[in-house]
Amino acid sequence: MEISKTDDNLGINAKALSQGEDAKGITNIAFFGVDKMDVNQKTSLSDSIMIVSIDSNNKKIKISSIMRDTYVKIKGHGQTKITHAYAYGGPQLAIRTINENFNLNIRDYITLDFFSFEKIIDAIGSVSIDIKQDEISPINDKIVEVSKIEKKSVPKITKPGLQNLNGLQAVAYTRVRFT
């Protein structure tokens, strides 16, 4: 999605520019993992928010995570959880919220939803996950749920241990929420 690149629309202030990481050879990119599970879904929360920092001088990449329940000021919405910024105004408002609250100068972003996550896993072949016995039933419940959404038949997990999960199985695994 195209977003504005103006400083004002992205919440970049003069201080962030004068002390900006660009001068130090660092580029920050916002990475959003959104909870979109339906192709017709118009808005989604950003369940995962990370800042990918690329340091071209030292040839390093760092990833920082922002907890989705962090309370911040969101333009036009007051104080609320940062995860809501993406739902309120897409990537542009989410980037603006990060820039204004953390004094950054982010201009670029990547958004990943469950469908693109599945495609990435399938493109690389699979992902190896050590499945615990008590995870099998909830993973299979999510496999059934995700299979219905995508109208695909997906093999269930039958035993614990290290397994190569396809994209849809990996999505189901990430949807399990228990410890």
N, C-alpha and C. Protein backbone atom coordinates (compact mmCIF):
# COMPACT_ATOMS: atom_id res chain seq x y z
N MET A 1 0.85 -1.17 0.00
CA MET A 1 0.00 0.00 0.00
C MET A 1 0.90 1.23 0.00
N GLU A 2 0.59 2.18 -0.86
CA GLU A 2 1.32 3.43 -0.89
C GLU A 2 0.95 4.28 0.32
N ILE A 3 1.94 4.88 0.94
CA ILE A 3 1.71 5.80 2.05
C ILE A 3 2.42 7.10 1.74
N SER A 4 2.02 8.15 2.42
CA SER A 4 2.68 9.45 2.27
C SER A 4 4.12 9.33 2.77
N LYS A 5 5.01 10.05 2.16
CA LYS A 5 6.41 10.06 2.60
C LYS A 5 6.79 11.40 3.24
N THR A 6 5.79 12.28 3.45
CA THR A 6 6.11 13.58 4.04
C THR A 6 6.38 13.43 5.53
N ASP A 7 7.28 14.24 6.04
CA ASP A 7 7.63 14.21 7.45
C ASP A 7 6.40 14.42 8.32
N ASP A 8 5.57 15.39 7.96
CA ASP A 8 4.39 15.71 8.76
C ASP A 8 3.43 14.52 8.84
N ASN A 9 3.13 13.90 7.71
CA ASN A 9 2.19 12.77 7.70
C ASN A 9 2.73 11.53 8.40
N LEU A 10 4.05 11.42 8.46
CA LEU A 10 4.66 10.26 9.12
C LEU A 10 5.09 10.56 10.55
N GLY A 11 4.82 11.77 11.02
CA GLY A 11 5.14 12.10 12.41
C GLY A 11 6.62 12.22 12.69
N ILE A 12 7.39 12.60 11.68
CA ILE A 12 8.84 12.76 11.86
C ILE A 12 9.10 14.22 12.20
N ASN A 13 9.72 14.45 13.35
CA ASN A 13 10.00 15.83 13.75
C ASN A 13 11.45 16.20 13.46
N ALA A 14 11.74 17.49 13.56
CA ALA A 14 13.08 17.98 13.25
C ALA A 14 14.14 17.33 14.13
N LYS A 15 13.81 17.07 15.40
CA LYS A 15 14.77 16.44 16.31
C LYS A 15 15.13 15.04 15.83
N ALA A 16 14.12 14.29 15.39
CA ALA A 16 14.39 12.93 14.89
C ALA A 16 15.26 12.99 13.65
N LEU A 17 15.06 14.02 12.82
CA LEU A 17 15.88 14.15 11.62
C LEU A 17 17.30 14.59 11.95
N SER A 18 17.45 15.57 12.85
CA SER A 18 18.79 16.08 13.17
C SER A 18 19.62 15.06 13.94
N GLN A 19 18.95 14.22 14.73
CA GLN A 19 19.65 13.18 15.47
C GLN A 19 19.43 11.82 14.81
N GLY A 20 18.92 11.87 13.60
CA GLY A 20 18.48 10.67 12.91
C GLY A 20 19.54 9.64 12.66
N GLU A 21 19.07 8.44 12.55
CA GLU A 21 19.95 7.31 12.31
C GLU A 21 20.51 7.31 10.89
N ASP A 22 19.82 8.01 9.94
CA ASP A 22 20.30 8.06 8.57
C ASP A 22 21.74 8.56 8.51
N ALA A 23 22.04 9.57 9.33
CA ALA A 23 23.38 10.13 9.35
C ALA A 23 24.41 9.11 9.82
N LYS A 24 23.98 8.15 10.60
CA LYS A 24 24.88 7.13 11.12
C LYS A 24 24.87 5.87 10.24
N GLY A 25 24.20 5.94 9.09
CA GLY A 25 24.14 4.79 8.19
C GLY A 25 23.15 3.73 8.61
N ILE A 26 22.17 4.10 9.43
CA ILE A 26 21.17 3.15 9.90
C ILE A 26 19.81 3.49 9.31
N THR A 27 19.16 2.49 8.77
CA THR A 27 17.81 2.64 8.23
C THR A 27 16.88 1.78 9.07
N ASN A 28 15.80 2.39 9.56
CA ASN A 28 14.80 1.66 10.33
C ASN A 28 13.57 1.40 9.47
N ILE A 29 13.07 0.18 9.54
CA ILE A 29 11.88 -0.23 8.80
C ILE A 29 10.90 -0.84 9.78
N ALA A 30 9.65 -0.41 9.70
CA ALA A 30 8.61 -0.99 10.56
C ALA A 30 8.15 -2.31 9.96
N PHE A 31 7.99 -3.30 10.81
CA PHE A 31 7.52 -4.62 10.38
C PHE A 31 6.27 -4.93 11.19
N PHE A 32 5.13 -5.09 10.49
CA PHE A 32 3.86 -5.35 11.15
C PHE A 32 3.36 -6.75 10.81
N GLY A 33 3.04 -7.52 11.83
CA GLY A 33 2.36 -8.80 11.65
C GLY A 33 0.91 -8.57 12.05
N VAL A 34 0.01 -8.64 11.08
CA VAL A 34 -1.39 -8.31 11.36
C VAL A 34 -2.25 -9.56 11.48
N ASP A 35 -3.38 -9.42 12.17
CA ASP A 35 -4.24 -10.56 12.48
C ASP A 35 -5.31 -10.83 11.42
N LYS A 36 -5.07 -10.44 10.21
CA LYS A 36 -6.04 -10.62 9.12
C LYS A 36 -6.15 -12.10 8.76
N MET A 37 -7.35 -12.67 8.96
CA MET A 37 -7.60 -14.09 8.65
C MET A 37 -8.67 -14.26 7.57
N ASP A 38 -9.17 -13.16 7.04
CA ASP A 38 -10.23 -13.22 6.03
C ASP A 38 -9.85 -12.25 4.93
N VAL A 39 -9.86 -12.70 3.68
CA VAL A 39 -9.45 -11.84 2.57
C VAL A 39 -10.35 -10.62 2.43
N ASN A 40 -11.57 -10.68 2.94
CA ASN A 40 -12.49 -9.55 2.87
C ASN A 40 -12.39 -8.62 4.07
N GLN A 41 -11.58 -8.96 5.04
CA GLN A 41 -11.42 -8.15 6.25
C GLN A 41 -10.78 -6.81 5.89
N LYS A 42 -11.41 -5.73 6.28
CA LYS A 42 -10.95 -4.39 5.92
C LYS A 42 -9.85 -3.87 6.86
N THR A 43 -9.99 -4.10 8.15
CA THR A 43 -9.00 -3.60 9.10
C THR A 43 -8.46 -4.75 9.93
N SER A 44 -7.29 -4.52 10.49
CA SER A 44 -6.72 -5.54 11.36
C SER A 44 -5.77 -4.89 12.35
N LEU A 45 -5.64 -5.53 13.49
CA LEU A 45 -4.69 -5.10 14.50
C LEU A 45 -3.29 -5.56 14.13
N SER A 46 -2.30 -4.85 14.60
CA SER A 46 -0.93 -5.32 14.39
C SER A 46 -0.51 -6.08 15.65
N ASP A 47 -0.67 -7.39 15.59
CA ASP A 47 -0.34 -8.25 16.73
C ASP A 47 1.16 -8.28 17.00
N SER A 48 1.94 -8.06 15.97
CA SER A 48 3.38 -8.04 16.12
C SER A 48 3.90 -6.74 15.51
N ILE A 49 4.71 -6.02 16.26
CA ILE A 49 5.30 -4.76 15.78
C ILE A 49 6.79 -4.82 16.06
N MET A 50 7.57 -4.76 15.01
CA MET A 50 9.02 -4.80 15.16
C MET A 50 9.65 -3.67 14.36
N ILE A 51 10.80 -3.25 14.80
CA ILE A 51 11.60 -2.28 14.07
C ILE A 51 12.86 -3.03 13.61
N VAL A 52 13.03 -3.10 12.30
CA VAL A 52 14.22 -3.73 11.73
C VAL A 52 15.21 -2.60 11.45
N SER A 53 16.36 -2.63 12.12
CA SER A 53 17.39 -1.60 11.96
C SER A 53 18.53 -2.18 11.14
N ILE A 54 18.78 -1.56 10.00
CA ILE A 54 19.85 -2.00 9.11
C ILE A 54 21.00 -1.01 9.23
N ASP A 55 22.11 -1.48 9.76
CA ASP A 55 23.31 -0.66 9.96
C ASP A 55 24.27 -0.98 8.81
N SER A 56 24.24 -0.13 7.79
CA SER A 56 25.07 -0.40 6.60
C SER A 56 26.55 -0.13 6.86
N ASN A 57 26.87 0.71 7.83
CA ASN A 57 28.29 0.97 8.15
C ASN A 57 28.96 -0.24 8.77
N ASN A 58 28.26 -0.89 9.70
CA ASN A 58 28.82 -2.03 10.42
C ASN A 58 28.32 -3.37 9.91
N LYS A 59 27.50 -3.34 8.85
CA LYS A 59 26.97 -4.56 8.23
C LYS A 59 26.24 -5.45 9.24
N LYS A 60 25.31 -4.82 10.00
CA LYS A 60 24.55 -5.54 11.00
C LYS A 60 23.07 -5.23 10.86
N ILE A 61 22.27 -6.17 11.29
CA ILE A 61 20.81 -5.98 11.34
C ILE A 61 20.37 -6.29 12.76
N LYS A 62 19.54 -5.42 13.30
CA LYS A 62 18.97 -5.63 14.63
C LYS A 62 17.46 -5.54 14.53
N ILE A 63 16.79 -6.32 15.34
CA ILE A 63 15.34 -6.29 15.38
C ILE A 63 14.90 -6.00 16.80
N SER A 64 14.05 -4.98 16.93
CA SER A 64 13.49 -4.61 18.24
C SER A 64 11.98 -4.81 18.16
N SER A 65 11.42 -5.31 19.22
CA SER A 65 9.98 -5.55 19.26
C SER A 65 9.30 -4.53 20.16
N ILE A 66 8.13 -4.06 19.72
CA ILE A 66 7.31 -3.18 20.54
C ILE A 66 6.11 -4.01 20.99
N MET A 67 5.91 -4.10 22.28
CA MET A 67 4.79 -4.89 22.79
C MET A 67 3.47 -4.28 22.31
N ARG A 68 2.61 -5.11 21.78
CA ARG A 68 1.38 -4.62 21.16
C ARG A 68 0.43 -3.95 22.13
N ASP A 69 0.56 -4.21 23.42
CA ASP A 69 -0.32 -3.59 24.41
C ASP A 69 0.28 -2.32 25.02
N THR A 70 1.40 -1.85 24.47
CA THR A 70 2.01 -0.62 24.94
C THR A 70 1.04 0.54 24.74
N TYR A 71 0.79 1.29 25.81
CA TYR A 71 -0.10 2.45 25.71
C TYR A 71 0.67 3.64 25.16
N VAL A 72 0.14 4.21 24.10
CA VAL A 72 0.76 5.35 23.43
C VAL A 72 -0.33 6.33 22.99
N LYS A 73 0.10 7.49 22.59
CA LYS A 73 -0.83 8.46 22.02
C LYS A 73 -0.93 8.18 20.52
N ILE A 74 -2.16 8.02 20.04
CA ILE A 74 -2.41 7.81 18.61
C ILE A 74 -3.19 9.01 18.11
N LYS A 75 -2.65 9.70 17.12
CA LYS A 75 -3.28 10.92 16.58
C LYS A 75 -4.75 10.65 16.25
N GLY A 76 -5.61 11.46 16.87
CA GLY A 76 -7.04 11.36 16.62
C GLY A 76 -7.76 10.33 17.46
N HIS A 77 -7.01 9.58 18.30
CA HIS A 77 -7.62 8.51 19.07
C HIS A 77 -7.20 8.51 20.54
N GLY A 78 -6.40 9.47 20.94
CA GLY A 78 -5.98 9.56 22.34
C GLY A 78 -5.01 8.47 22.74
N GLN A 79 -4.99 8.17 24.03
CA GLN A 79 -4.11 7.13 24.58
C GLN A 79 -4.80 5.77 24.43
N THR A 80 -4.12 4.85 23.83
CA THR A 80 -4.64 3.49 23.68
C THR A 80 -3.49 2.56 23.31
N LYS A 81 -3.79 1.31 23.12
CA LYS A 81 -2.77 0.31 22.78
C LYS A 81 -2.24 0.57 21.37
N ILE A 82 -0.93 0.44 21.21
CA ILE A 82 -0.29 0.70 19.93
C ILE A 82 -0.81 -0.24 18.83
N THR A 83 -1.26 -1.43 19.19
CA THR A 83 -1.79 -2.37 18.21
C THR A 83 -2.98 -1.80 17.45
N HIS A 84 -3.70 -0.85 18.07
CA HIS A 84 -4.88 -0.28 17.44
C HIS A 84 -4.56 0.70 16.31
N ALA A 85 -3.37 1.28 16.32
CA ALA A 85 -3.00 2.28 15.31
C ALA A 85 -3.16 1.72 13.90
N TYR A 86 -2.74 0.50 13.68
CA TYR A 86 -2.85 -0.11 12.35
C TYR A 86 -4.31 -0.26 11.95
N ALA A 87 -5.16 -0.68 12.88
CA ALA A 87 -6.58 -0.84 12.59
C ALA A 87 -7.25 0.51 12.31
N TYR A 88 -6.84 1.55 13.02
CA TYR A 88 -7.44 2.87 12.85
C TYR A 88 -7.04 3.54 11.54
N GLY A 89 -5.80 3.34 11.09
CA GLY A 89 -5.34 4.09 9.93
C GLY A 89 -4.29 3.40 9.08
N GLY A 90 -4.25 2.07 9.15
CA GLY A 90 -3.31 1.33 8.32
C GLY A 90 -1.86 1.62 8.66
N PRO A 91 -0.97 1.28 7.72
CA PRO A 91 0.46 1.42 8.01
C PRO A 91 0.89 2.87 8.22
N GLN A 92 0.24 3.82 7.55
CA GLN A 92 0.66 5.21 7.71
C GLN A 92 0.46 5.70 9.14
N LEU A 93 -0.72 5.45 9.72
CA LEU A 93 -0.96 5.87 11.10
C LEU A 93 -0.10 5.06 12.07
N ALA A 94 0.12 3.80 11.77
CA ALA A 94 0.96 2.97 12.65
C ALA A 94 2.40 3.49 12.66
N ILE A 95 2.93 3.84 11.49
CA ILE A 95 4.28 4.39 11.42
C ILE A 95 4.34 5.74 12.13
N ARG A 96 3.34 6.56 11.88
CA ARG A 96 3.29 7.88 12.55
C ARG A 96 3.29 7.71 14.06
N THR A 97 2.52 6.75 14.55
CA THR A 97 2.43 6.50 15.98
C THR A 97 3.79 6.09 16.55
N ILE A 98 4.48 5.21 15.85
CA ILE A 98 5.81 4.79 16.30
C ILE A 98 6.77 5.98 16.29
N ASN A 99 6.78 6.73 15.19
CA ASN A 99 7.69 7.87 15.08
C ASN A 99 7.44 8.91 16.17
N GLU A 100 6.18 9.25 16.40
CA GLU A 100 5.86 10.29 17.37
C GLU A 100 6.12 9.85 18.80
N ASN A 101 5.90 8.60 19.11
CA ASN A 101 6.06 8.13 20.49
C ASN A 101 7.49 7.71 20.82
N PHE A 102 8.27 7.36 19.81
CA PHE A 102 9.62 6.86 20.06
C PHE A 102 10.70 7.71 19.38
N ASN A 103 10.30 8.88 18.87
CA ASN A 103 11.22 9.83 18.25
C ASN A 103 12.09 9.18 17.17
N LEU A 104 11.42 8.47 16.27
CA LEU A 104 12.12 7.81 15.16
C LEU A 104 11.79 8.52 13.85
N ASN A 105 12.43 8.06 12.78
CA ASN A 105 12.19 8.64 11.46
C ASN A 105 11.93 7.53 10.42
N ILE A 106 11.03 6.64 10.76
CA ILE A 106 10.70 5.52 9.88
C ILE A 106 9.85 6.01 8.71
N ARG A 107 10.20 5.55 7.52
CA ARG A 107 9.45 5.89 6.31
C ARG A 107 8.94 4.65 5.57
N ASP A 108 9.54 3.52 5.85
CA ASP A 108 9.21 2.31 5.11
C ASP A 108 8.69 1.23 6.05
N TYR A 109 7.96 0.28 5.47
CA TYR A 109 7.36 -0.77 6.29
C TYR A 109 7.15 -2.04 5.47
N ILE A 110 6.92 -3.11 6.22
CA ILE A 110 6.53 -4.41 5.66
C ILE A 110 5.35 -4.87 6.49
N THR A 111 4.31 -5.37 5.84
CA THR A 111 3.17 -5.95 6.54
C THR A 111 3.03 -7.40 6.12
N LEU A 112 2.84 -8.24 7.11
CA LEU A 112 2.68 -9.67 6.87
C LEU A 112 1.40 -10.12 7.56
N ASP A 113 0.50 -10.76 6.78
CA ASP A 113 -0.69 -11.34 7.39
C ASP A 113 -0.56 -12.86 7.34
N PHE A 114 -1.57 -13.56 7.80
CA PHE A 114 -1.48 -15.02 7.86
C PHE A 114 -1.33 -15.65 6.47
N PHE A 115 -1.97 -15.05 5.47
CA PHE A 115 -1.89 -15.60 4.12
C PHE A 115 -0.48 -15.46 3.55
N SER A 116 0.14 -14.31 3.75
CA SER A 116 1.50 -14.14 3.24
C SER A 116 2.49 -14.96 4.06
N PHE A 117 2.24 -15.12 5.37
CA PHE A 117 3.09 -15.97 6.20
C PHE A 117 3.07 -17.41 5.66
N GLU A 118 1.88 -17.90 5.35
CA GLU A 118 1.73 -19.25 4.78
C GLU A 118 2.53 -19.38 3.48
N LYS A 119 2.41 -18.39 2.60
CA LYS A 119 3.10 -18.43 1.30
C LYS A 119 4.62 -18.42 1.47
N ILE A 120 5.12 -17.65 2.44
CA ILE A 120 6.56 -17.60 2.67
C ILE A 120 7.07 -18.96 3.14
N ILE A 121 6.36 -19.58 4.08
CA ILE A 121 6.77 -20.90 4.57
C ILE A 121 6.75 -21.91 3.42
N ASP A 122 5.69 -21.89 2.62
CA ASP A 122 5.61 -22.83 1.50
C ASP A 122 6.70 -22.56 0.45
N ALA A 123 7.07 -21.29 0.27
CA ALA A 123 8.11 -20.95 -0.71
C ALA A 123 9.48 -21.48 -0.28
N ILE A 124 9.73 -21.52 1.02
CA ILE A 124 11.02 -22.06 1.49
C ILE A 124 10.94 -23.57 1.73
N GLY A 125 9.75 -24.14 1.58
CA GLY A 125 9.58 -25.58 1.70
C GLY A 125 8.82 -26.00 2.94
N SER A 126 9.31 -25.61 4.10
CA SER A 126 8.66 -25.95 5.37
C SER A 126 9.44 -25.26 6.49
N VAL A 127 8.94 -25.42 7.70
CA VAL A 127 9.64 -24.92 8.87
C VAL A 127 9.65 -26.04 9.91
N SER A 128 10.80 -26.24 10.54
CA SER A 128 10.94 -27.32 11.53
C SER A 128 10.54 -26.81 12.90
N ILE A 129 9.58 -27.50 13.52
CA ILE A 129 9.07 -27.14 14.84
C ILE A 129 9.04 -28.39 15.71
N ASP A 130 9.51 -28.26 16.95
CA ASP A 130 9.45 -29.36 17.90
C ASP A 130 8.09 -29.30 18.59
N ILE A 131 7.19 -30.17 18.17
CA ILE A 131 5.82 -30.20 18.69
C ILE A 131 5.78 -31.03 19.97
N LYS A 132 5.22 -30.43 21.03
CA LYS A 132 5.06 -31.13 22.30
C LYS A 132 3.73 -31.89 22.29
N GLN A 133 3.65 -32.96 23.08
CA GLN A 133 2.45 -33.79 23.14
C GLN A 133 1.19 -32.96 23.44
N ASP A 134 1.31 -32.05 24.42
CA ASP A 134 0.12 -31.28 24.81
C ASP A 134 -0.24 -30.17 23.80
N GLU A 135 0.57 -29.99 22.77
CA GLU A 135 0.27 -29.02 21.72
C GLU A 135 -0.52 -29.63 20.56
N ILE A 136 -0.49 -30.95 20.44
CA ILE A 136 -1.08 -31.61 19.27
C ILE A 136 -2.56 -31.28 19.10
N SER A 137 -3.36 -31.46 20.15
CA SER A 137 -4.80 -31.21 20.05
C SER A 137 -5.12 -29.76 19.69
N PRO A 138 -4.54 -28.76 20.39
CA PRO A 138 -4.86 -27.39 20.01
C PRO A 138 -4.37 -27.01 18.61
N ILE A 139 -3.22 -27.54 18.20
CA ILE A 139 -2.74 -27.26 16.84
C ILE A 139 -3.72 -27.84 15.82
N ASN A 140 -4.17 -29.07 16.06
CA ASN A 140 -5.12 -29.68 15.13
C ASN A 140 -6.45 -28.92 15.09
N ASP A 141 -6.88 -28.38 16.23
CA ASP A 141 -8.09 -27.54 16.24
C ASP A 141 -7.89 -26.33 15.33
N LYS A 142 -6.72 -25.72 15.41
CA LYS A 142 -6.42 -24.54 14.58
C LYS A 142 -6.24 -24.95 13.11
N ILE A 143 -5.69 -26.14 12.86
CA ILE A 143 -5.56 -26.62 11.48
C ILE A 143 -6.95 -26.74 10.85
N VAL A 144 -7.91 -27.29 11.60
CA VAL A 144 -9.28 -27.40 11.10
C VAL A 144 -9.85 -26.01 10.82
N GLU A 145 -9.65 -25.08 11.75
CA GLU A 145 -10.16 -23.71 11.60
C GLU A 145 -9.56 -23.02 10.36
N VAL A 146 -8.24 -23.08 10.23
CA VAL A 146 -7.56 -22.43 9.11
C VAL A 146 -7.90 -23.13 7.80
N SER A 147 -8.03 -24.45 7.82
CA SER A 147 -8.39 -25.21 6.61
C SER A 147 -9.75 -24.77 6.08
N LYS A 148 -10.69 -24.53 6.98
CA LYS A 148 -12.03 -24.07 6.56
C LYS A 148 -11.96 -22.69 5.92
N ILE A 149 -11.17 -21.80 6.51
CA ILE A 149 -11.03 -20.45 5.96
C ILE A 149 -10.44 -20.50 4.56
N GLU A 150 -9.42 -21.31 4.38
CA GLU A 150 -8.73 -21.38 3.10
C GLU A 150 -9.30 -22.42 2.14
N LYS A 151 -10.26 -23.20 2.64
CA LYS A 151 -10.88 -24.25 1.83
C LYS A 151 -9.81 -25.19 1.26
N LYS A 152 -8.92 -25.64 2.15
CA LYS A 152 -7.84 -26.55 1.79
C LYS A 152 -7.83 -27.72 2.76
N SER A 153 -7.41 -28.86 2.27
CA SER A 153 -7.22 -30.02 3.13
C SER A 153 -5.77 -30.02 3.61
N VAL A 154 -5.58 -30.10 4.91
CA VAL A 154 -4.25 -30.05 5.48
C VAL A 154 -4.07 -31.22 6.45
N PRO A 155 -2.96 -31.94 6.34
CA PRO A 155 -2.73 -33.05 7.26
C PRO A 155 -2.61 -32.57 8.70
N LYS A 156 -3.23 -33.31 9.61
CA LYS A 156 -3.14 -33.00 11.03
C LYS A 156 -1.83 -33.53 11.60
N ILE A 157 -1.48 -33.03 12.75
CA ILE A 157 -0.29 -33.49 13.47
C ILE A 157 -0.69 -34.74 14.24
N THR A 158 0.10 -35.82 14.12
CA THR A 158 -0.28 -37.08 14.74
C THR A 158 0.62 -37.51 15.88
N LYS A 159 1.81 -36.90 15.98
CA LYS A 159 2.75 -37.32 17.03
C LYS A 159 3.62 -36.14 17.44
N PRO A 160 4.17 -36.21 18.65
CA PRO A 160 5.08 -35.15 19.09
C PRO A 160 6.45 -35.32 18.45
N GLY A 161 7.28 -34.28 18.61
CA GLY A 161 8.64 -34.34 18.11
C GLY A 161 8.89 -33.30 17.03
N LEU A 162 10.13 -33.29 16.53
CA LEU A 162 10.53 -32.35 15.49
C LEU A 162 9.80 -32.70 14.20
N GLN A 163 9.12 -31.71 13.64
CA GLN A 163 8.34 -31.94 12.43
C GLN A 163 8.52 -30.79 11.46
N ASN A 164 8.42 -31.11 10.18
CA ASN A 164 8.45 -30.10 9.14
C ASN A 164 7.02 -29.71 8.81
N LEU A 165 6.65 -28.48 9.17
CA LEU A 165 5.29 -28.00 8.95
C LEU A 165 5.22 -27.21 7.66
N ASN A 166 4.13 -27.44 6.90
CA ASN A 166 3.91 -26.63 5.71
C ASN A 166 3.35 -25.27 6.16
N GLY A 167 3.10 -24.39 5.21
CA GLY A 167 2.65 -23.04 5.54
C GLY A 167 1.38 -23.00 6.37
N LEU A 168 0.37 -23.76 5.98
CA LEU A 168 -0.89 -23.72 6.70
C LEU A 168 -0.76 -24.33 8.09
N GLN A 169 0.01 -25.40 8.22
CA GLN A 169 0.25 -25.99 9.54
C GLN A 169 1.01 -25.00 10.43
N ALA A 170 1.96 -24.27 9.85
CA ALA A 170 2.73 -23.29 10.62
C ALA A 170 1.82 -22.14 11.09
N VAL A 171 0.89 -21.71 10.22
CA VAL A 171 -0.07 -20.68 10.63
C VAL A 171 -0.90 -21.20 11.80
N ALA A 172 -1.37 -22.44 11.70
CA ALA A 172 -2.16 -23.03 12.79
C ALA A 172 -1.34 -23.06 14.08
N TYR A 173 -0.07 -23.43 13.98
CA TYR A 173 0.80 -23.47 15.16
C TYR A 173 0.91 -22.09 15.81
N THR A 174 1.04 -21.05 15.00
CA THR A 174 1.17 -19.70 15.55
C THR A 174 -0.12 -19.19 16.18
N ARG A 175 -1.24 -19.81 15.84
CA ARG A 175 -2.54 -19.39 16.39
C ARG A 175 -2.83 -20.00 17.75
N VAL A 176 -2.06 -20.99 18.17
CA VAL A 176 -2.27 -21.62 19.46
C VAL A 176 -1.79 -20.67 20.54
N ARG A 177 -2.66 -20.44 21.54
CA ARG A 177 -2.33 -19.48 22.59
C ARG A 177 -2.52 -20.11 23.96
N PHE A 178 -1.56 -20.90 24.36
CA PHE A 178 -1.56 -21.43 25.71
C PHE A 178 -0.14 -21.80 26.08
N THR A 179 0.11 -21.94 27.38
CA THR A 179 1.48 -22.31 27.81
C THR A 179 1.41 -23.58 28.63
